Amino acid sequence: MTDDDAAARSPTDLAQQLREAADRLMAGWAAAAGSMTGAARPSPPAMPRLPALPATMSAEQVQKVLDDLSARRTQVQTLRDQLTTFDEQLGMLESSLQPVVEWTRTWAALEKSVSEFWRPPGAASG
């Protein structure tokens, strides 16, 4: 053992080191007690957020897929309703135009008979 080691281990130095350690411990306890009583003290930096566990990530991913599927089914239902309405409108238009087609055929037959009736003699039929 050297003289420096002996001096560092003297009872006075040991007492001083113990006193400093106790002071640091008491300062920490006082700061913790101050935070419990509402006394203002600087807050320690926030702990970094840990990544989600694999099962949690999987559950969140599956939930997102389910939400997406639900949204797509809603879109398909809306489109189906719109197509049904459009089909009904086309059916009404079709039934509304049927008398026009019949009237047009009748008119065409009348025109043909009139044109044949008024054909000049010797004109070629076409």
N, C-alpha and C. Protein backbone atom coordinates (compact mmCIF):
# COMPACT_ATOMS: atom_id res chain seq x y z
N MET A 1 0.84 -1.16 0.00
CA MET A 1 0.00 0.00 0.00
C MET A 1 0.89 1.23 0.00
N THR A 2 0.59 2.22 -0.86
CA THR A 2 1.41 3.43 -0.94
C THR A 2 0.89 4.45 0.04
N ASP A 3 1.65 5.54 0.17
CA ASP A 3 1.23 6.62 1.08
C ASP A 3 -0.04 7.30 0.57
N ASP A 4 -0.19 7.39 -0.79
CA ASP A 4 -1.40 8.00 -1.35
C ASP A 4 -2.63 7.17 -1.02
N ASP A 5 -2.47 5.81 -1.14
CA ASP A 5 -3.60 4.93 -0.80
C ASP A 5 -3.95 5.07 0.67
N ALA A 6 -2.96 5.17 1.49
CA ALA A 6 -3.19 5.30 2.92
C ALA A 6 -3.88 6.61 3.22
N ALA A 7 -3.46 7.69 2.53
CA ALA A 7 -4.06 9.00 2.78
C ALA A 7 -5.50 9.01 2.29
N ALA A 8 -5.76 8.34 1.17
CA ALA A 8 -7.11 8.31 0.63
C ALA A 8 -8.03 7.50 1.51
N ARG A 9 -7.45 6.57 2.26
CA ARG A 9 -8.28 5.72 3.10
C ARG A 9 -8.25 6.14 4.56
N SER A 10 -7.85 7.31 4.82
CA SER A 10 -7.84 7.75 6.21
C SER A 10 -9.28 7.91 6.68
N PRO A 11 -9.53 7.81 7.94
CA PRO A 11 -10.89 7.93 8.45
C PRO A 11 -11.53 9.27 8.09
N THR A 12 -10.75 10.29 7.99
CA THR A 12 -11.31 11.60 7.66
C THR A 12 -11.80 11.61 6.21
N ASP A 13 -11.00 11.06 5.29
CA ASP A 13 -11.40 11.00 3.88
C ASP A 13 -12.62 10.09 3.70
N LEU A 14 -12.62 8.98 4.40
CA LEU A 14 -13.74 8.06 4.31
C LEU A 14 -15.02 8.73 4.81
N ALA A 15 -14.91 9.47 5.89
CA ALA A 15 -16.07 10.18 6.43
C ALA A 15 -16.54 11.24 5.43
N GLN A 16 -15.59 11.92 4.80
CA GLN A 16 -15.94 12.94 3.83
C GLN A 16 -16.68 12.32 2.63
N GLN A 17 -16.18 11.18 2.12
CA GLN A 17 -16.82 10.51 1.01
C GLN A 17 -18.23 10.04 1.38
N LEU A 18 -18.37 9.50 2.58
CA LEU A 18 -19.69 9.07 3.03
C LEU A 18 -20.63 10.27 3.16
N ARG A 19 -20.12 11.39 3.64
CA ARG A 19 -20.95 12.61 3.80
C ARG A 19 -21.42 13.10 2.43
N GLU A 20 -20.55 13.10 1.42
CA GLU A 20 -20.92 13.54 0.07
C GLU A 20 -21.97 12.61 -0.54
N ALA A 21 -21.81 11.31 -0.34
CA ALA A 21 -22.78 10.36 -0.85
C ALA A 21 -24.14 10.57 -0.19
N ALA A 22 -24.13 10.81 1.13
CA ALA A 22 -25.37 11.05 1.86
C ALA A 22 -26.03 12.34 1.38
N ASP A 23 -25.23 13.36 1.12
CA ASP A 23 -25.78 14.63 0.62
C ASP A 23 -26.45 14.43 -0.75
N ARG A 24 -25.79 13.67 -1.63
CA ARG A 24 -26.39 13.41 -2.94
C ARG A 24 -27.69 12.62 -2.80
N LEU A 25 -27.70 11.65 -1.90
CA LEU A 25 -28.90 10.85 -1.67
C LEU A 25 -30.02 11.71 -1.12
N MET A 26 -29.71 12.57 -0.18
CA MET A 26 -30.72 13.45 0.41
C MET A 26 -31.25 14.45 -0.63
N ALA A 27 -30.38 14.94 -1.49
CA ALA A 27 -30.81 15.89 -2.53
C ALA A 27 -31.79 15.19 -3.48
N GLY A 28 -31.52 13.95 -3.81
CA GLY A 28 -32.43 13.19 -4.66
C GLY A 28 -33.77 12.97 -3.99
N TRP A 29 -33.74 12.61 -2.71
CA TRP A 29 -35.00 12.40 -1.99
C TRP A 29 -35.78 13.69 -1.84
N ALA A 30 -35.08 14.78 -1.60
CA ALA A 30 -35.75 16.08 -1.46
C ALA A 30 -36.40 16.47 -2.80
N ALA A 31 -35.72 16.21 -3.89
CA ALA A 31 -36.28 16.53 -5.20
C ALA A 31 -37.51 15.67 -5.47
N ALA A 32 -37.44 14.40 -5.10
CA ALA A 32 -38.58 13.52 -5.30
C ALA A 32 -39.75 13.94 -4.42
N ALA A 33 -39.47 14.30 -3.18
CA ALA A 33 -40.53 14.75 -2.27
C ALA A 33 -41.12 16.06 -2.76
N GLY A 34 -40.29 16.94 -3.31
CA GLY A 34 -40.78 18.21 -3.85
C GLY A 34 -41.71 17.99 -5.02
N SER A 35 -41.42 17.00 -5.82
CA SER A 35 -42.30 16.74 -6.97
C SER A 35 -43.63 16.18 -6.51
N MET A 36 -43.64 15.48 -5.38
CA MET A 36 -44.90 14.93 -4.86
C MET A 36 -45.75 16.01 -4.21
N THR A 37 -45.13 17.03 -3.66
CA THR A 37 -45.89 18.09 -3.01
C THR A 37 -46.26 19.20 -3.97
N GLY A 38 -45.80 19.12 -5.19
CA GLY A 38 -46.16 20.12 -6.18
C GLY A 38 -45.14 21.23 -6.30
N ALA A 39 -44.06 21.16 -5.60
CA ALA A 39 -43.03 22.19 -5.72
C ALA A 39 -42.42 22.13 -7.12
N ALA A 40 -42.10 23.28 -7.63
CA ALA A 40 -41.56 23.35 -8.98
C ALA A 40 -40.12 22.87 -9.00
N ARG A 41 -39.87 22.00 -9.92
CA ARG A 41 -38.50 21.56 -10.15
C ARG A 41 -38.42 21.13 -11.60
N PRO A 42 -37.26 21.23 -12.16
CA PRO A 42 -37.17 20.83 -13.57
C PRO A 42 -37.47 19.35 -13.73
N SER A 43 -38.27 19.04 -14.73
CA SER A 43 -38.65 17.65 -14.96
C SER A 43 -37.54 16.95 -15.74
N PRO A 44 -37.35 15.68 -15.44
CA PRO A 44 -36.34 14.94 -16.18
C PRO A 44 -36.81 14.73 -17.62
N PRO A 45 -35.90 14.49 -18.51
CA PRO A 45 -36.32 14.28 -19.90
C PRO A 45 -37.25 13.08 -20.00
N ALA A 46 -38.17 13.17 -20.91
CA ALA A 46 -39.15 12.10 -21.09
C ALA A 46 -38.46 10.84 -21.59
N MET A 47 -38.98 9.72 -21.11
CA MET A 47 -38.44 8.44 -21.55
C MET A 47 -38.88 8.19 -22.99
N PRO A 48 -38.02 7.64 -23.79
CA PRO A 48 -38.44 7.34 -25.17
C PRO A 48 -39.53 6.28 -25.17
N ARG A 49 -40.46 6.39 -26.11
CA ARG A 49 -41.55 5.44 -26.21
C ARG A 49 -41.02 4.13 -26.79
N LEU A 50 -41.40 3.06 -26.15
CA LEU A 50 -40.98 1.75 -26.62
C LEU A 50 -41.82 1.34 -27.82
N PRO A 51 -41.24 0.62 -28.75
CA PRO A 51 -42.05 0.17 -29.90
C PRO A 51 -43.13 -0.80 -29.44
N ALA A 52 -44.19 -0.85 -30.22
CA ALA A 52 -45.30 -1.75 -29.90
C ALA A 52 -44.86 -3.20 -30.04
N LEU A 53 -45.46 -4.03 -29.24
CA LEU A 53 -45.15 -5.45 -29.31
C LEU A 53 -45.71 -6.04 -30.60
N PRO A 54 -45.15 -7.11 -31.09
CA PRO A 54 -45.62 -7.69 -32.36
C PRO A 54 -47.11 -8.03 -32.36
N ALA A 55 -47.62 -8.56 -31.27
CA ALA A 55 -49.05 -8.91 -31.22
C ALA A 55 -49.91 -7.66 -31.31
N THR A 56 -49.47 -6.57 -30.67
CA THR A 56 -50.20 -5.31 -30.72
C THR A 56 -50.19 -4.77 -32.14
N MET A 57 -49.04 -4.84 -32.78
CA MET A 57 -48.94 -4.36 -34.16
C MET A 57 -49.85 -5.19 -35.06
N SER A 58 -49.86 -6.49 -34.88
CA SER A 58 -50.71 -7.35 -35.71
C SER A 58 -52.18 -7.02 -35.50
N ALA A 59 -52.58 -6.82 -34.26
CA ALA A 59 -53.97 -6.49 -33.97
C ALA A 59 -54.35 -5.16 -34.62
N GLU A 60 -53.46 -4.17 -34.55
CA GLU A 60 -53.73 -2.88 -35.17
C GLU A 60 -53.82 -3.02 -36.69
N GLN A 61 -52.94 -3.82 -37.28
CA GLN A 61 -52.95 -4.01 -38.72
C GLN A 61 -54.23 -4.72 -39.16
N VAL A 62 -54.64 -5.73 -38.43
CA VAL A 62 -55.87 -6.45 -38.77
C VAL A 62 -57.07 -5.52 -38.64
N GLN A 63 -57.07 -4.68 -37.60
CA GLN A 63 -58.17 -3.73 -37.42
C GLN A 63 -58.23 -2.75 -38.59
N LYS A 64 -57.08 -2.30 -39.06
CA LYS A 64 -57.05 -1.40 -40.21
C LYS A 64 -57.60 -2.09 -41.46
N VAL A 65 -57.27 -3.36 -41.65
CA VAL A 65 -57.79 -4.11 -42.80
C VAL A 65 -59.31 -4.23 -42.68
N LEU A 66 -59.80 -4.54 -41.48
CA LEU A 66 -61.25 -4.65 -41.28
C LEU A 66 -61.95 -3.32 -41.54
N ASP A 67 -61.35 -2.23 -41.08
CA ASP A 67 -61.94 -0.91 -41.33
C ASP A 67 -61.98 -0.60 -42.82
N ASP A 68 -60.90 -0.96 -43.53
CA ASP A 68 -60.85 -0.74 -44.97
C ASP A 68 -61.90 -1.58 -45.70
N LEU A 69 -62.04 -2.84 -45.28
CA LEU A 69 -63.06 -3.70 -45.90
C LEU A 69 -64.46 -3.16 -45.65
N SER A 70 -64.71 -2.70 -44.47
CA SER A 70 -66.02 -2.14 -44.15
C SER A 70 -66.30 -0.91 -45.01
N ALA A 71 -65.30 -0.06 -45.18
CA ALA A 71 -65.48 1.13 -46.02
C ALA A 71 -65.74 0.74 -47.47
N ARG A 72 -65.03 -0.27 -47.96
CA ARG A 72 -65.23 -0.71 -49.34
C ARG A 72 -66.62 -1.33 -49.53
N ARG A 73 -67.08 -2.09 -48.54
CA ARG A 73 -68.42 -2.68 -48.64
C ARG A 73 -69.48 -1.58 -48.65
N THR A 74 -69.27 -0.54 -47.89
CA THR A 74 -70.19 0.59 -47.88
C THR A 74 -70.21 1.26 -49.25
N GLN A 75 -69.03 1.41 -49.86
CA GLN A 75 -68.95 1.99 -51.20
C GLN A 75 -69.69 1.11 -52.21
N VAL A 76 -69.51 -0.20 -52.11
CA VAL A 76 -70.17 -1.11 -53.05
C VAL A 76 -71.68 -1.04 -52.86
N GLN A 77 -72.15 -0.99 -51.62
CA GLN A 77 -73.59 -0.89 -51.36
C GLN A 77 -74.15 0.41 -51.94
N THR A 78 -73.41 1.50 -51.76
CA THR A 78 -73.85 2.77 -52.31
C THR A 78 -73.90 2.70 -53.83
N LEU A 79 -72.88 2.11 -54.44
CA LEU A 79 -72.85 1.96 -55.90
C LEU A 79 -74.00 1.06 -56.37
N ARG A 80 -74.27 -0.02 -55.63
CA ARG A 80 -75.37 -0.91 -55.97
C ARG A 80 -76.70 -0.16 -55.94
N ASP A 81 -76.89 0.66 -54.92
CA ASP A 81 -78.13 1.45 -54.82
C ASP A 81 -78.25 2.42 -55.99
N GLN A 82 -77.13 3.07 -56.34
CA GLN A 82 -77.16 4.01 -57.46
C GLN A 82 -77.46 3.28 -58.77
N LEU A 83 -76.86 2.10 -58.95
CA LEU A 83 -77.12 1.33 -60.17
C LEU A 83 -78.57 0.85 -60.24
N THR A 84 -79.13 0.47 -59.11
CA THR A 84 -80.53 0.06 -59.09
C THR A 84 -81.43 1.22 -59.49
N THR A 85 -81.15 2.39 -58.95
CA THR A 85 -81.93 3.58 -59.30
C THR A 85 -81.78 3.90 -60.78
N PHE A 86 -80.56 3.81 -61.29
CA PHE A 86 -80.31 4.08 -62.71
C PHE A 86 -81.03 3.07 -63.59
N ASP A 87 -81.03 1.79 -63.18
CA ASP A 87 -81.74 0.75 -63.94
C ASP A 87 -83.24 1.03 -63.98
N GLU A 88 -83.79 1.46 -62.85
CA GLU A 88 -85.21 1.79 -62.82
C GLU A 88 -85.51 2.97 -63.75
N GLN A 89 -84.64 3.97 -63.77
CA GLN A 89 -84.84 5.11 -64.66
C GLN A 89 -84.77 4.68 -66.13
N LEU A 90 -83.83 3.79 -66.45
CA LEU A 90 -83.73 3.29 -67.83
C LEU A 90 -84.99 2.49 -68.21
N GLY A 91 -85.52 1.72 -67.27
CA GLY A 91 -86.75 0.96 -67.53
C GLY A 91 -87.92 1.88 -67.81
N MET A 92 -88.01 2.98 -67.03
CA MET A 92 -89.10 3.94 -67.27
C MET A 92 -88.94 4.62 -68.63
N LEU A 93 -87.71 4.95 -69.00
CA LEU A 93 -87.47 5.57 -70.30
C LEU A 93 -87.83 4.59 -71.42
N GLU A 94 -87.45 3.33 -71.24
CA GLU A 94 -87.76 2.31 -72.25
C GLU A 94 -89.27 2.17 -72.43
N SER A 95 -89.97 2.09 -71.32
CA SER A 95 -91.43 1.94 -71.43
C SER A 95 -92.08 3.22 -71.97
N SER A 96 -91.48 4.37 -71.72
CA SER A 96 -92.01 5.62 -72.25
C SER A 96 -91.77 5.74 -73.75
N LEU A 97 -90.69 5.17 -74.25
CA LEU A 97 -90.37 5.26 -75.68
C LEU A 97 -91.09 4.20 -76.51
N GLN A 98 -91.62 3.15 -75.91
CA GLN A 98 -92.31 2.09 -76.65
C GLN A 98 -93.47 2.63 -77.47
N PRO A 99 -94.33 3.49 -76.94
CA PRO A 99 -95.42 4.05 -77.78
C PRO A 99 -94.88 4.90 -78.93
N VAL A 100 -93.74 5.58 -78.72
CA VAL A 100 -93.16 6.39 -79.78
C VAL A 100 -92.70 5.49 -80.92
N VAL A 101 -92.11 4.33 -80.58
CA VAL A 101 -91.66 3.39 -81.61
C VAL A 101 -92.86 2.89 -82.40
N GLU A 102 -93.92 2.54 -81.72
CA GLU A 102 -95.12 2.05 -82.41
C GLU A 102 -95.72 3.14 -83.29
N TRP A 103 -95.76 4.36 -82.79
CA TRP A 103 -96.31 5.47 -83.58
C TRP A 103 -95.43 5.70 -84.81
N THR A 104 -94.08 5.64 -84.64
CA THR A 104 -93.16 5.85 -85.76
C THR A 104 -93.33 4.76 -86.81
N ARG A 105 -93.52 3.51 -86.40
CA ARG A 105 -93.74 2.42 -87.36
C ARG A 105 -95.05 2.64 -88.13
N THR A 106 -96.07 3.05 -87.41
CA THR A 106 -97.36 3.32 -88.06
C THR A 106 -97.20 4.46 -89.06
N TRP A 107 -96.51 5.49 -88.66
CA TRP A 107 -96.30 6.65 -89.55
C TRP A 107 -95.49 6.24 -90.78
N ALA A 108 -94.46 5.41 -90.59
CA ALA A 108 -93.65 4.94 -91.72
C ALA A 108 -94.50 4.11 -92.67
N ALA A 109 -95.37 3.27 -92.16
CA ALA A 109 -96.24 2.46 -93.01
C ALA A 109 -97.20 3.35 -93.78
N LEU A 110 -97.72 4.39 -93.13
CA LEU A 110 -98.62 5.34 -93.80
C LEU A 110 -97.88 6.08 -94.91
N GLU A 111 -96.66 6.54 -94.63
CA GLU A 111 -95.88 7.23 -95.66
C GLU A 111 -95.63 6.33 -96.86
N LYS A 112 -95.33 5.06 -96.60
CA LYS A 112 -95.06 4.12 -97.69
C LYS A 112 -96.31 3.92 -98.54
N SER A 113 -97.44 3.75 -97.89
CA SER A 113 -98.67 3.53 -98.66
C SER A 113 -99.05 4.77 -99.45
N VAL A 114 -98.85 5.92 -98.89
CA VAL A 114 -99.17 7.17 -99.58
C VAL A 114 -98.22 7.38 -100.74
N SER A 115 -96.96 7.08 -100.53
CA SER A 115 -95.98 7.28 -101.61
C SER A 115 -96.25 6.32 -102.76
N GLU A 116 -96.70 5.11 -102.47
CA GLU A 116 -97.04 4.17 -103.53
C GLU A 116 -98.32 4.59 -104.24
N PHE A 117 -99.22 5.18 -103.49
CA PHE A 117 -100.48 5.61 -104.09
C PHE A 117 -100.26 6.76 -105.06
N TRP A 118 -99.38 7.69 -104.75
CA TRP A 118 -99.15 8.87 -105.56
C TRP A 118 -97.99 8.71 -106.53
N ARG A 119 -97.59 7.53 -106.78
CA ARG A 119 -96.45 7.31 -107.68
C ARG A 119 -96.91 7.63 -109.11
N PRO A 120 -96.08 8.37 -109.81
CA PRO A 120 -96.41 8.67 -111.19
C PRO A 120 -96.36 7.41 -112.05
N PRO A 121 -97.16 7.30 -113.04
CA PRO A 121 -97.16 6.11 -113.89
C PRO A 121 -95.80 5.96 -114.57
N GLY A 122 -95.30 4.76 -114.62
CA GLY A 122 -94.04 4.44 -115.29
C GLY A 122 -92.82 4.67 -114.41
N ALA A 123 -92.99 5.15 -113.13
CA ALA A 123 -91.83 5.36 -112.23
C ALA A 123 -91.45 4.02 -111.64
N ALA A 124 -90.18 3.82 -111.47
CA ALA A 124 -89.70 2.55 -110.93
C ALA A 124 -89.95 2.51 -109.43
N SER A 125 -90.31 1.36 -108.93
CA SER A 125 -90.54 1.23 -107.50
C SER A 125 -89.21 1.00 -106.81
N GLY A 126 -88.98 1.56 -105.65
CA GLY A 126 -87.68 1.46 -105.04
C GLY A 126 -87.65 0.88 -103.79
